[in-house]
């Protein structure tokens, strides 16, 4: 499996002319994802930390152009990374908005971590799932059908949160304090 190192991820973001606010969002999503990953690894869950890191950093790689094109940035981001020779990273990016399947393994997987971490970061702040959901419904629920679909996704995300934190020694509302001022234990961060 090929996984781009952090330096290459940062070059990719620069090549895509990533706006500072989306880059800041991606960096914080990565910090949350790595916090969760490190806790899950300590609890004995088998995870590929470099895969989580690269996928979290690059999860919005095609989002800037989607504002103009209207494309589905999770789909095109996944295709972009797969086309560069990183299919596993691309697969996680493709699922960062909605997972193909929830709870497909007994223990949490990398795609679930990146998906959840993205839902805990609103712009450049760690927030509760409830606060993020209010924002998403206000911004994206254009029809009643779409609102119902978003609510179904959110119900699954609440279940995912319970699943993830059943392995961890802290609660969801403690993520912010564990992130604030404490970068993940990562030599190239």
N, C-alpha and C. Protein backbone atom coordinates (compact mmCIF):
# COMPACT_ATOMS: atom_id res chain seq x y z
N UNK A 1 0.85 -1.18 0.00
CA UNK A 1 0.00 0.00 0.00
C UNK A 1 0.90 1.24 0.00
N UNK A 2 0.63 2.14 -0.92
CA UNK A 2 1.36 3.41 -0.97
C UNK A 2 0.56 4.47 -0.23
N UNK A 3 1.25 5.21 0.63
CA UNK A 3 0.63 6.30 1.39
C UNK A 3 1.54 7.51 1.29
N UNK A 4 1.02 8.66 0.85
CA UNK A 4 1.89 9.83 0.74
C UNK A 4 2.30 10.33 2.13
N UNK A 5 3.58 10.65 2.31
CA UNK A 5 3.99 11.24 3.59
C UNK A 5 3.41 12.65 3.73
N UNK A 6 3.49 13.18 4.94
CA UNK A 6 2.93 14.51 5.22
C UNK A 6 3.47 15.56 4.25
N UNK A 7 4.76 15.53 3.97
CA UNK A 7 5.35 16.53 3.08
C UNK A 7 4.70 16.49 1.70
N UNK A 8 4.44 15.30 1.18
CA UNK A 8 3.79 15.18 -0.12
C UNK A 8 2.32 15.64 -0.03
N UNK A 9 1.66 15.32 1.06
CA UNK A 9 0.28 15.79 1.25
C UNK A 9 0.24 17.32 1.21
N UNK A 10 1.20 17.95 1.87
CA UNK A 10 1.23 19.41 1.90
C UNK A 10 1.49 19.98 0.50
N UNK A 11 2.33 19.29 -0.29
CA UNK A 11 2.56 19.72 -1.68
C UNK A 11 1.29 19.57 -2.51
N UNK A 12 0.55 18.50 -2.29
CA UNK A 12 -0.71 18.30 -3.02
C UNK A 12 -1.69 19.43 -2.70
N UNK A 13 -1.80 19.77 -1.43
CA UNK A 13 -2.70 20.86 -1.05
C UNK A 13 -2.27 22.16 -1.71
N UNK A 14 -0.97 22.42 -1.75
CA UNK A 14 -0.46 23.64 -2.40
C UNK A 14 -0.73 23.60 -3.90
N UNK A 15 -0.53 22.44 -4.52
CA UNK A 15 -0.78 22.31 -5.96
C UNK A 15 -2.24 22.57 -6.32
N UNK A 16 -3.14 22.23 -5.39
CA UNK A 16 -4.57 22.46 -5.63
C UNK A 16 -4.99 23.87 -5.21
N UNK A 17 -4.00 24.68 -4.81
CA UNK A 17 -4.26 26.06 -4.37
C UNK A 17 -5.33 26.09 -3.27
N UNK A 18 -5.10 25.25 -2.27
CA UNK A 18 -6.03 25.12 -1.16
C UNK A 18 -6.13 26.44 -0.40
N UNK A 19 -7.34 26.99 -0.29
CA UNK A 19 -7.50 28.23 0.49
C UNK A 19 -7.11 28.00 1.95
N UNK A 20 -6.58 29.01 2.61
CA UNK A 20 -6.12 28.85 3.99
C UNK A 20 -7.19 28.30 4.94
N UNK A 21 -8.45 28.70 4.76
CA UNK A 21 -9.47 28.22 5.70
C UNK A 21 -9.76 26.73 5.52
N UNK A 22 -9.68 26.22 4.31
CA UNK A 22 -9.90 24.78 4.10
C UNK A 22 -8.66 24.01 4.56
N UNK A 23 -7.49 24.56 4.34
CA UNK A 23 -6.26 23.92 4.84
C UNK A 23 -6.30 23.85 6.37
N UNK A 24 -6.71 24.92 7.03
CA UNK A 24 -6.80 24.92 8.50
C UNK A 24 -7.80 23.86 8.97
N UNK A 25 -8.92 23.76 8.27
CA UNK A 25 -9.92 22.74 8.59
C UNK A 25 -9.30 21.35 8.46
N UNK A 26 -8.62 21.09 7.37
CA UNK A 26 -8.03 19.78 7.12
C UNK A 26 -6.96 19.44 8.16
N UNK A 27 -6.18 20.42 8.55
CA UNK A 27 -5.15 20.18 9.56
C UNK A 27 -5.79 19.80 10.90
N UNK A 28 -6.89 20.47 11.26
CA UNK A 28 -7.55 20.16 12.52
C UNK A 28 -8.27 18.81 12.44
N UNK A 29 -8.87 18.50 11.32
CA UNK A 29 -9.48 17.17 11.15
C UNK A 29 -8.39 16.11 11.34
N UNK A 30 -7.21 16.34 10.81
CA UNK A 30 -6.11 15.40 10.97
C UNK A 30 -5.73 15.26 12.45
N UNK A 31 -5.67 16.35 13.17
CA UNK A 31 -5.33 16.28 14.59
C UNK A 31 -6.36 15.47 15.37
N UNK A 32 -7.64 15.69 15.08
CA UNK A 32 -8.69 14.93 15.76
C UNK A 32 -8.59 13.45 15.38
N UNK A 33 -8.40 13.18 14.10
CA UNK A 33 -8.30 11.80 13.64
C UNK A 33 -7.12 11.08 14.28
N UNK A 34 -6.00 11.77 14.40
CA UNK A 34 -4.83 11.14 15.01
C UNK A 34 -5.01 10.95 16.51
N UNK A 35 -5.67 11.88 17.17
CA UNK A 35 -5.98 11.71 18.59
C UNK A 35 -6.80 10.44 18.79
N UNK A 36 -7.84 10.29 17.99
CA UNK A 36 -8.68 9.09 18.09
C UNK A 36 -7.90 7.83 17.74
N UNK A 37 -7.12 7.90 16.67
CA UNK A 37 -6.33 6.75 16.23
C UNK A 37 -5.36 6.31 17.33
N UNK A 38 -4.67 7.27 17.91
CA UNK A 38 -3.71 6.92 18.96
C UNK A 38 -4.40 6.26 20.15
N UNK A 39 -5.56 6.78 20.52
CA UNK A 39 -6.32 6.16 21.62
C UNK A 39 -6.80 4.77 21.27
N UNK A 40 -7.26 4.60 20.05
CA UNK A 40 -7.74 3.29 19.61
C UNK A 40 -6.58 2.29 19.49
N UNK A 41 -5.44 2.76 18.99
CA UNK A 41 -4.26 1.88 18.93
C UNK A 41 -3.87 1.43 20.34
N UNK A 42 -3.91 2.37 21.29
CA UNK A 42 -3.58 2.02 22.68
C UNK A 42 -4.57 1.02 23.27
N UNK A 43 -5.79 1.04 22.77
CA UNK A 43 -6.81 0.10 23.24
C UNK A 43 -6.74 -1.24 22.50
N UNK A 44 -5.78 -1.37 21.60
CA UNK A 44 -5.59 -2.64 20.91
C UNK A 44 -6.28 -2.77 19.57
N UNK A 45 -6.84 -1.68 19.05
CA UNK A 45 -7.49 -1.73 17.74
C UNK A 45 -6.41 -1.64 16.66
N UNK A 46 -6.44 -2.53 15.71
CA UNK A 46 -5.46 -2.54 14.62
C UNK A 46 -5.84 -1.48 13.59
N UNK A 47 -4.99 -0.46 13.45
CA UNK A 47 -5.23 0.62 12.51
C UNK A 47 -3.93 1.01 11.81
N UNK A 48 -4.05 1.58 10.63
CA UNK A 48 -2.90 2.08 9.89
C UNK A 48 -2.86 3.60 10.10
N UNK A 49 -2.02 4.04 11.05
CA UNK A 49 -1.95 5.46 11.41
C UNK A 49 -1.54 6.35 10.23
N UNK A 50 -0.51 5.98 9.44
CA UNK A 50 -0.16 6.83 8.30
C UNK A 50 -1.31 6.97 7.29
N UNK A 51 -2.12 5.92 7.14
CA UNK A 51 -3.27 5.98 6.23
C UNK A 51 -4.30 6.98 6.75
N UNK A 52 -4.56 6.94 8.05
CA UNK A 52 -5.50 7.91 8.65
C UNK A 52 -4.97 9.32 8.45
N UNK A 53 -3.69 9.51 8.72
CA UNK A 53 -3.09 10.84 8.64
C UNK A 53 -3.21 11.43 7.24
N UNK A 54 -2.77 10.69 6.24
CA UNK A 54 -2.82 11.19 4.86
C UNK A 54 -4.27 11.43 4.41
N UNK A 55 -5.15 10.52 4.75
CA UNK A 55 -6.56 10.65 4.33
C UNK A 55 -7.22 11.86 4.99
N UNK A 56 -6.92 12.10 6.25
CA UNK A 56 -7.49 13.25 6.94
C UNK A 56 -6.95 14.55 6.37
N UNK A 57 -5.65 14.61 6.14
CA UNK A 57 -5.07 15.84 5.57
C UNK A 57 -5.65 16.15 4.19
N UNK A 58 -5.92 15.12 3.41
CA UNK A 58 -6.33 15.32 2.01
C UNK A 58 -7.83 15.16 1.78
N UNK A 59 -8.62 15.00 2.83
CA UNK A 59 -10.03 14.66 2.63
C UNK A 59 -10.80 15.69 1.80
N UNK A 60 -10.41 16.95 1.83
CA UNK A 60 -11.10 17.99 1.06
C UNK A 60 -10.28 18.48 -0.14
N UNK A 61 -9.43 17.62 -0.68
CA UNK A 61 -8.48 18.01 -1.72
C UNK A 61 -9.15 18.66 -2.94
N UNK A 62 -10.33 18.23 -3.33
CA UNK A 62 -10.99 18.85 -4.50
C UNK A 62 -12.15 19.77 -4.10
N UNK A 63 -12.28 20.05 -2.83
CA UNK A 63 -13.39 20.92 -2.39
C UNK A 63 -13.31 22.32 -2.99
N UNK A 64 -12.13 22.96 -3.06
CA UNK A 64 -12.11 24.32 -3.62
C UNK A 64 -12.69 24.40 -5.03
N UNK A 65 -12.34 23.46 -5.88
CA UNK A 65 -12.86 23.53 -7.25
C UNK A 65 -14.34 23.15 -7.31
N UNK A 66 -14.81 22.40 -6.29
CA UNK A 66 -16.23 22.00 -6.30
C UNK A 66 -17.15 23.21 -6.16
N UNK A 67 -16.64 24.30 -5.59
CA UNK A 67 -17.46 25.51 -5.47
C UNK A 67 -17.82 26.06 -6.84
N UNK A 68 -16.93 25.85 -7.81
CA UNK A 68 -17.17 26.32 -9.17
C UNK A 68 -17.86 25.26 -10.02
N UNK A 69 -17.40 24.02 -9.89
CA UNK A 69 -17.89 22.95 -10.77
C UNK A 69 -19.18 22.30 -10.28
N UNK A 70 -19.43 22.37 -8.97
CA UNK A 70 -20.59 21.69 -8.40
C UNK A 70 -20.38 20.20 -8.22
N UNK A 71 -19.16 19.74 -8.44
CA UNK A 71 -18.86 18.31 -8.32
C UNK A 71 -18.98 17.82 -6.88
N UNK A 72 -19.12 16.53 -6.74
CA UNK A 72 -19.13 15.88 -5.43
C UNK A 72 -17.67 15.74 -5.01
N UNK A 73 -17.23 16.59 -4.07
CA UNK A 73 -15.81 16.64 -3.75
C UNK A 73 -15.29 15.38 -3.07
N UNK A 74 -16.14 14.64 -2.39
CA UNK A 74 -15.65 13.39 -1.80
C UNK A 74 -15.37 12.37 -2.90
N UNK A 75 -16.24 12.31 -3.89
CA UNK A 75 -16.05 11.38 -5.00
C UNK A 75 -14.83 11.78 -5.84
N UNK A 76 -14.75 13.05 -6.24
CA UNK A 76 -13.65 13.45 -7.10
C UNK A 76 -12.32 13.46 -6.34
N UNK A 77 -12.36 13.75 -5.05
CA UNK A 77 -11.14 13.66 -4.25
C UNK A 77 -10.61 12.24 -4.19
N UNK A 78 -11.54 11.29 -4.00
CA UNK A 78 -11.14 9.89 -3.99
C UNK A 78 -10.55 9.46 -5.32
N UNK A 79 -11.18 9.88 -6.41
CA UNK A 79 -10.68 9.54 -7.74
C UNK A 79 -9.31 10.17 -7.98
N UNK A 80 -9.15 11.40 -7.53
CA UNK A 80 -7.88 12.11 -7.71
C UNK A 80 -6.73 11.35 -7.04
N UNK A 81 -6.93 10.96 -5.77
CA UNK A 81 -5.87 10.23 -5.05
C UNK A 81 -5.64 8.86 -5.64
N UNK A 82 -6.70 8.17 -6.03
CA UNK A 82 -6.53 6.86 -6.67
C UNK A 82 -5.73 7.01 -7.96
N UNK A 83 -6.02 8.07 -8.72
CA UNK A 83 -5.31 8.32 -9.97
C UNK A 83 -3.84 8.63 -9.76
N UNK A 84 -3.48 9.12 -8.59
CA UNK A 84 -2.07 9.38 -8.27
C UNK A 84 -1.36 8.14 -7.73
N UNK A 85 -2.09 7.03 -7.63
CA UNK A 85 -1.48 5.79 -7.15
C UNK A 85 -1.70 5.52 -5.68
N UNK A 86 -2.70 6.19 -5.09
CA UNK A 86 -3.00 6.00 -3.67
C UNK A 86 -4.47 5.56 -3.51
N UNK A 87 -4.81 4.35 -4.00
CA UNK A 87 -6.21 3.94 -3.98
C UNK A 87 -6.81 3.81 -2.59
N UNK A 88 -6.04 3.38 -1.60
CA UNK A 88 -6.57 3.23 -0.25
C UNK A 88 -6.88 4.59 0.37
N UNK A 89 -6.01 5.55 0.14
CA UNK A 89 -6.27 6.92 0.60
C UNK A 89 -7.51 7.46 -0.12
N UNK A 90 -7.56 7.25 -1.41
CA UNK A 90 -8.71 7.70 -2.20
C UNK A 90 -10.01 7.09 -1.72
N UNK A 91 -9.98 5.83 -1.33
CA UNK A 91 -11.20 5.17 -0.84
C UNK A 91 -11.71 5.83 0.45
N UNK A 92 -10.79 6.18 1.33
CA UNK A 92 -11.21 6.83 2.58
C UNK A 92 -11.72 8.24 2.30
N UNK A 93 -11.04 8.97 1.42
CA UNK A 93 -11.50 10.32 1.06
C UNK A 93 -12.90 10.25 0.46
N UNK A 94 -13.12 9.27 -0.39
CA UNK A 94 -14.45 9.11 -1.01
C UNK A 94 -15.54 8.92 0.04
N UNK A 95 -15.19 8.33 1.19
CA UNK A 95 -16.16 8.04 2.24
C UNK A 95 -16.19 9.07 3.37
N UNK A 96 -15.50 10.18 3.23
CA UNK A 96 -15.42 11.10 4.37
C UNK A 96 -16.74 11.83 4.64
N UNK A 97 -17.63 11.90 3.68
CA UNK A 97 -18.94 12.52 3.90
C UNK A 97 -19.94 11.47 4.37
N UNK A 98 -19.99 10.37 3.66
CA UNK A 98 -20.87 9.26 4.05
C UNK A 98 -20.13 7.94 3.80
N UNK A 99 -20.18 7.09 4.78
CA UNK A 99 -19.50 5.80 4.68
C UNK A 99 -20.27 4.85 3.77
N UNK A 100 -19.54 3.99 3.08
CA UNK A 100 -20.19 2.95 2.27
C UNK A 100 -21.03 2.05 3.16
N UNK A 101 -20.48 1.69 4.31
CA UNK A 101 -21.16 0.82 5.27
C UNK A 101 -20.67 1.20 6.66
N UNK A 102 -21.59 1.26 7.57
CA UNK A 102 -21.23 1.53 8.96
C UNK A 102 -20.98 0.21 9.66
N UNK A 103 -19.94 0.18 10.47
CA UNK A 103 -19.64 -0.97 11.31
C UNK A 103 -19.40 -2.25 10.51
N UNK A 104 -18.62 -2.12 9.42
CA UNK A 104 -18.37 -3.30 8.60
C UNK A 104 -17.34 -4.24 9.22
N UNK A 105 -16.58 -3.74 10.19
CA UNK A 105 -15.65 -4.57 10.95
C UNK A 105 -16.10 -4.59 12.40
N UNK A 106 -15.60 -5.56 13.14
CA UNK A 106 -15.92 -5.61 14.57
C UNK A 106 -15.41 -4.38 15.29
N UNK A 107 -14.22 -3.92 14.92
CA UNK A 107 -13.61 -2.74 15.55
C UNK A 107 -13.61 -1.58 14.55
N UNK A 108 -13.46 -0.37 15.04
CA UNK A 108 -13.44 0.79 14.13
C UNK A 108 -12.33 0.69 13.08
N UNK A 109 -12.60 1.27 11.92
CA UNK A 109 -11.62 1.27 10.83
C UNK A 109 -11.21 2.71 10.49
N UNK A 110 -10.23 2.84 9.64
CA UNK A 110 -9.67 4.14 9.27
C UNK A 110 -10.73 5.06 8.64
N UNK A 111 -11.57 4.53 7.77
CA UNK A 111 -12.60 5.36 7.13
C UNK A 111 -13.57 5.92 8.16
N UNK A 112 -13.93 5.13 9.16
CA UNK A 112 -14.84 5.61 10.20
C UNK A 112 -14.20 6.74 11.00
N UNK A 113 -12.91 6.64 11.26
CA UNK A 113 -12.22 7.67 12.04
C UNK A 113 -12.19 8.99 11.28
N UNK A 114 -11.81 8.96 10.01
CA UNK A 114 -11.73 10.20 9.22
C UNK A 114 -13.12 10.79 9.03
N UNK A 115 -14.10 9.95 8.77
CA UNK A 115 -15.48 10.41 8.62
C UNK A 115 -15.94 11.12 9.89
N UNK A 116 -15.72 10.51 11.03
CA UNK A 116 -16.15 11.09 12.31
C UNK A 116 -15.37 12.37 12.62
N UNK A 117 -14.05 12.35 12.42
CA UNK A 117 -13.23 13.52 12.72
C UNK A 117 -13.70 14.73 11.91
N UNK A 118 -14.04 14.51 10.66
CA UNK A 118 -14.53 15.61 9.81
C UNK A 118 -15.83 16.18 10.37
N UNK A 119 -16.65 15.33 10.94
CA UNK A 119 -17.93 15.80 11.48
C UNK A 119 -17.78 16.49 12.83
N UNK A 120 -16.61 16.42 13.42
CA UNK A 120 -16.37 17.11 14.68
C UNK A 120 -15.69 18.47 14.49
N UNK A 121 -15.33 18.80 13.24
CA UNK A 121 -14.63 20.06 12.97
C UNK A 121 -15.49 20.94 12.07
N UNK A 122 -15.90 22.06 12.60
CA UNK A 122 -16.65 23.06 11.85
C UNK A 122 -15.68 24.19 11.52
N UNK A 123 -15.40 24.33 10.25
CA UNK A 123 -14.39 25.28 9.79
C UNK A 123 -13.06 24.97 10.46
N UNK A 124 -12.65 25.74 11.47
CA UNK A 124 -11.37 25.48 12.14
C UNK A 124 -11.54 25.35 13.65
N UNK A 125 -12.70 24.81 14.05
CA UNK A 125 -12.97 24.61 15.48
C UNK A 125 -13.54 23.22 15.72
N UNK A 126 -13.11 22.61 16.82
CA UNK A 126 -13.70 21.35 17.24
C UNK A 126 -15.02 21.68 17.92
N UNK A 127 -16.09 21.02 17.47
CA UNK A 127 -17.43 21.26 18.00
C UNK A 127 -18.09 19.92 18.30
N UNK A 128 -19.22 19.99 18.97
CA UNK A 128 -19.99 18.77 19.23
C UNK A 128 -20.68 18.32 17.93
N UNK A 129 -21.08 17.07 17.91
CA UNK A 129 -21.85 16.59 16.75
C UNK A 129 -23.13 17.39 16.58
N UNK A 130 -23.77 17.75 17.69
CA UNK A 130 -25.01 18.51 17.61
C UNK A 130 -24.79 19.86 16.92
N UNK A 131 -23.74 20.56 17.31
CA UNK A 131 -23.47 21.87 16.69
C UNK A 131 -23.17 21.72 15.21
N UNK A 132 -22.43 20.69 14.86
CA UNK A 132 -22.10 20.45 13.45
C UNK A 132 -23.34 20.10 12.66
N UNK A 133 -24.24 19.31 13.25
CA UNK A 133 -25.46 18.92 12.56
C UNK A 133 -26.35 20.13 12.30
N UNK A 134 -26.48 21.00 13.28
CA UNK A 134 -27.27 22.21 13.09
C UNK A 134 -26.73 23.00 11.89
N UNK A 135 -25.41 23.13 11.82
CA UNK A 135 -24.79 23.84 10.71
C UNK A 135 -25.08 23.15 9.37
N UNK A 136 -24.89 21.84 9.32
CA UNK A 136 -25.11 21.10 8.08
C UNK A 136 -26.57 21.19 7.62
N UNK A 137 -27.50 21.04 8.54
CA UNK A 137 -28.91 21.15 8.16
C UNK A 137 -29.23 22.55 7.63
N UNK A 138 -28.70 23.56 8.29
CA UNK A 138 -28.96 24.93 7.85
C UNK A 138 -28.34 25.20 6.47
N UNK A 139 -27.14 24.70 6.26
CA UNK A 139 -26.42 25.00 5.02
C UNK A 139 -26.83 24.12 3.84
N UNK A 140 -27.10 22.83 4.09
CA UNK A 140 -27.26 21.89 2.98
C UNK A 140 -28.65 21.28 2.81
N UNK A 141 -29.51 21.35 3.80
CA UNK A 141 -30.83 20.71 3.68
C UNK A 141 -31.76 21.62 2.89
N UNK A 142 -31.78 21.43 1.59
CA UNK A 142 -32.58 22.30 0.70
C UNK A 142 -34.01 21.79 0.53
N UNK A 143 -34.21 20.49 0.70
CA UNK A 143 -35.55 19.92 0.57
C UNK A 143 -35.84 19.06 1.80
N UNK A 144 -37.09 18.75 2.01
CA UNK A 144 -37.46 17.88 3.14
C UNK A 144 -36.85 16.49 2.97
N UNK A 145 -36.81 16.00 1.74
CA UNK A 145 -36.22 14.68 1.49
C UNK A 145 -34.73 14.70 1.84
N UNK A 146 -34.04 15.74 1.44
CA UNK A 146 -32.61 15.85 1.76
C UNK A 146 -32.41 15.98 3.27
N UNK A 147 -33.30 16.69 3.92
CA UNK A 147 -33.22 16.85 5.37
C UNK A 147 -33.37 15.48 6.07
N UNK A 148 -34.31 14.67 5.59
CA UNK A 148 -34.50 13.33 6.16
C UNK A 148 -33.26 12.47 5.94
N UNK A 149 -32.69 12.54 4.73
CA UNK A 149 -31.49 11.78 4.43
C UNK A 149 -30.34 12.20 5.34
N UNK A 150 -30.15 13.50 5.53
CA UNK A 150 -29.11 13.99 6.44
C UNK A 150 -29.34 13.51 7.86
N UNK A 151 -30.58 13.47 8.28
CA UNK A 151 -30.89 13.00 9.63
C UNK A 151 -30.54 11.52 9.78
N UNK A 152 -30.79 10.72 8.75
CA UNK A 152 -30.42 9.30 8.79
C UNK A 152 -28.90 9.15 8.91
N UNK A 153 -28.18 9.93 8.11
CA UNK A 153 -26.71 9.90 8.20
C UNK A 153 -26.27 10.30 9.61
N UNK A 154 -26.93 11.30 10.14
CA UNK A 154 -26.55 11.77 11.47
C UNK A 154 -26.84 10.74 12.56
N UNK A 155 -27.93 10.03 12.41
CA UNK A 155 -28.24 8.97 13.38
C UNK A 155 -27.14 7.91 13.36
N UNK A 156 -26.66 7.57 12.17
CA UNK A 156 -25.55 6.62 12.06
C UNK A 156 -24.27 7.20 12.68
N UNK A 157 -24.06 8.50 12.50
CA UNK A 157 -22.86 9.14 13.06
C UNK A 157 -22.90 9.14 14.58
N UNK A 158 -24.07 9.31 15.16
CA UNK A 158 -24.20 9.23 16.62
C UNK A 158 -23.85 7.83 17.10
N UNK A 159 -24.31 6.83 16.37
CA UNK A 159 -23.95 5.45 16.72
C UNK A 159 -22.45 5.22 16.56
N UNK A 160 -21.86 5.83 15.52
CA UNK A 160 -20.42 5.72 15.30
C UNK A 160 -19.66 6.36 16.46
N UNK A 161 -20.12 7.50 16.93
CA UNK A 161 -19.47 8.15 18.06
C UNK A 161 -19.48 7.24 19.29
N UNK A 162 -20.62 6.63 19.56
CA UNK A 162 -20.71 5.70 20.70
C UNK A 162 -19.73 4.54 20.52
N UNK A 163 -19.65 4.02 19.33
CA UNK A 163 -18.74 2.90 19.03
C UNK A 163 -17.29 3.31 19.26
N UNK A 164 -16.88 4.45 18.70
CA UNK A 164 -15.49 4.89 18.83
C UNK A 164 -15.11 5.11 20.30
N UNK A 165 -15.98 5.81 21.02
CA UNK A 165 -15.63 6.18 22.39
C UNK A 165 -15.80 5.03 23.38
N UNK A 166 -16.40 3.94 22.95
CA UNK A 166 -16.46 2.77 23.83
C UNK A 166 -15.06 2.18 24.03
N UNK A 167 -14.13 2.50 23.14
CA UNK A 167 -12.75 2.03 23.24
C UNK A 167 -11.83 3.03 23.94
N UNK A 168 -12.28 4.25 24.12
CA UNK A 168 -11.40 5.32 24.59
C UNK A 168 -11.63 5.64 26.06
N UNK A 169 -10.63 6.24 26.68
CA UNK A 169 -10.67 6.55 28.12
C UNK A 169 -11.16 7.97 28.38
N UNK A 170 -11.82 8.56 27.41
CA UNK A 170 -12.38 9.90 27.56
C UNK A 170 -13.67 9.99 26.77
N UNK A 171 -14.40 11.05 27.00
CA UNK A 171 -15.72 11.23 26.38
C UNK A 171 -15.63 12.16 25.17
N UNK A 172 -16.64 12.13 24.29
CA UNK A 172 -16.62 13.00 23.12
C UNK A 172 -16.43 14.48 23.44
N UNK A 173 -17.01 14.94 24.54
CA UNK A 173 -16.89 16.37 24.85
C UNK A 173 -15.51 16.74 25.37
N UNK A 174 -14.62 15.77 25.52
CA UNK A 174 -13.25 16.04 25.96
C UNK A 174 -12.26 16.12 24.80
N UNK A 175 -12.73 15.94 23.58
CA UNK A 175 -11.83 15.99 22.42
C UNK A 175 -11.17 17.37 22.33
N UNK A 176 -11.94 18.42 22.48
CA UNK A 176 -11.38 19.77 22.33
C UNK A 176 -10.23 20.00 23.30
N UNK A 177 -10.43 19.67 24.56
CA UNK A 177 -9.37 19.93 25.55
C UNK A 177 -8.15 19.06 25.30
N UNK A 178 -8.33 17.89 24.71
CA UNK A 178 -7.19 17.03 24.41
C UNK A 178 -6.44 17.49 23.17
N UNK A 179 -7.10 18.22 22.30
CA UNK A 179 -6.48 18.76 21.09
C UNK A 179 -5.83 20.11 21.36
N UNK A 180 -6.51 20.97 22.09
CA UNK A 180 -6.08 22.36 22.28
C UNK A 180 -4.67 22.44 22.85
N UNK A 181 -3.76 22.93 22.03
CA UNK A 181 -2.39 23.12 22.47
C UNK A 181 -1.56 21.86 22.55
N UNK A 182 -2.12 20.74 22.16
CA UNK A 182 -1.40 19.47 22.25
C UNK A 182 -1.40 18.76 20.90
N UNK A 183 -0.40 19.04 20.07
CA UNK A 183 -0.37 18.33 18.79
C UNK A 183 -0.19 16.84 19.00
N UNK A 184 -0.66 16.04 18.07
CA UNK A 184 -0.48 14.59 18.20
C UNK A 184 1.02 14.26 18.32
N UNK A 185 1.30 13.17 18.97
CA UNK A 185 2.67 12.74 19.13
C UNK A 185 3.17 12.23 17.78
N UNK A 186 3.66 13.17 16.97
CA UNK A 186 4.03 12.86 15.61
C UNK A 186 5.26 13.67 15.22
N UNK A 187 6.38 13.03 14.94
CA UNK A 187 7.61 13.77 14.71
C UNK A 187 7.58 14.73 13.52
N UNK A 188 6.76 14.49 12.52
CA UNK A 188 6.77 15.41 11.38
C UNK A 188 5.55 16.31 11.33
N UNK A 189 4.86 16.47 12.43
CA UNK A 189 3.73 17.41 12.49
C UNK A 189 4.26 18.79 12.74
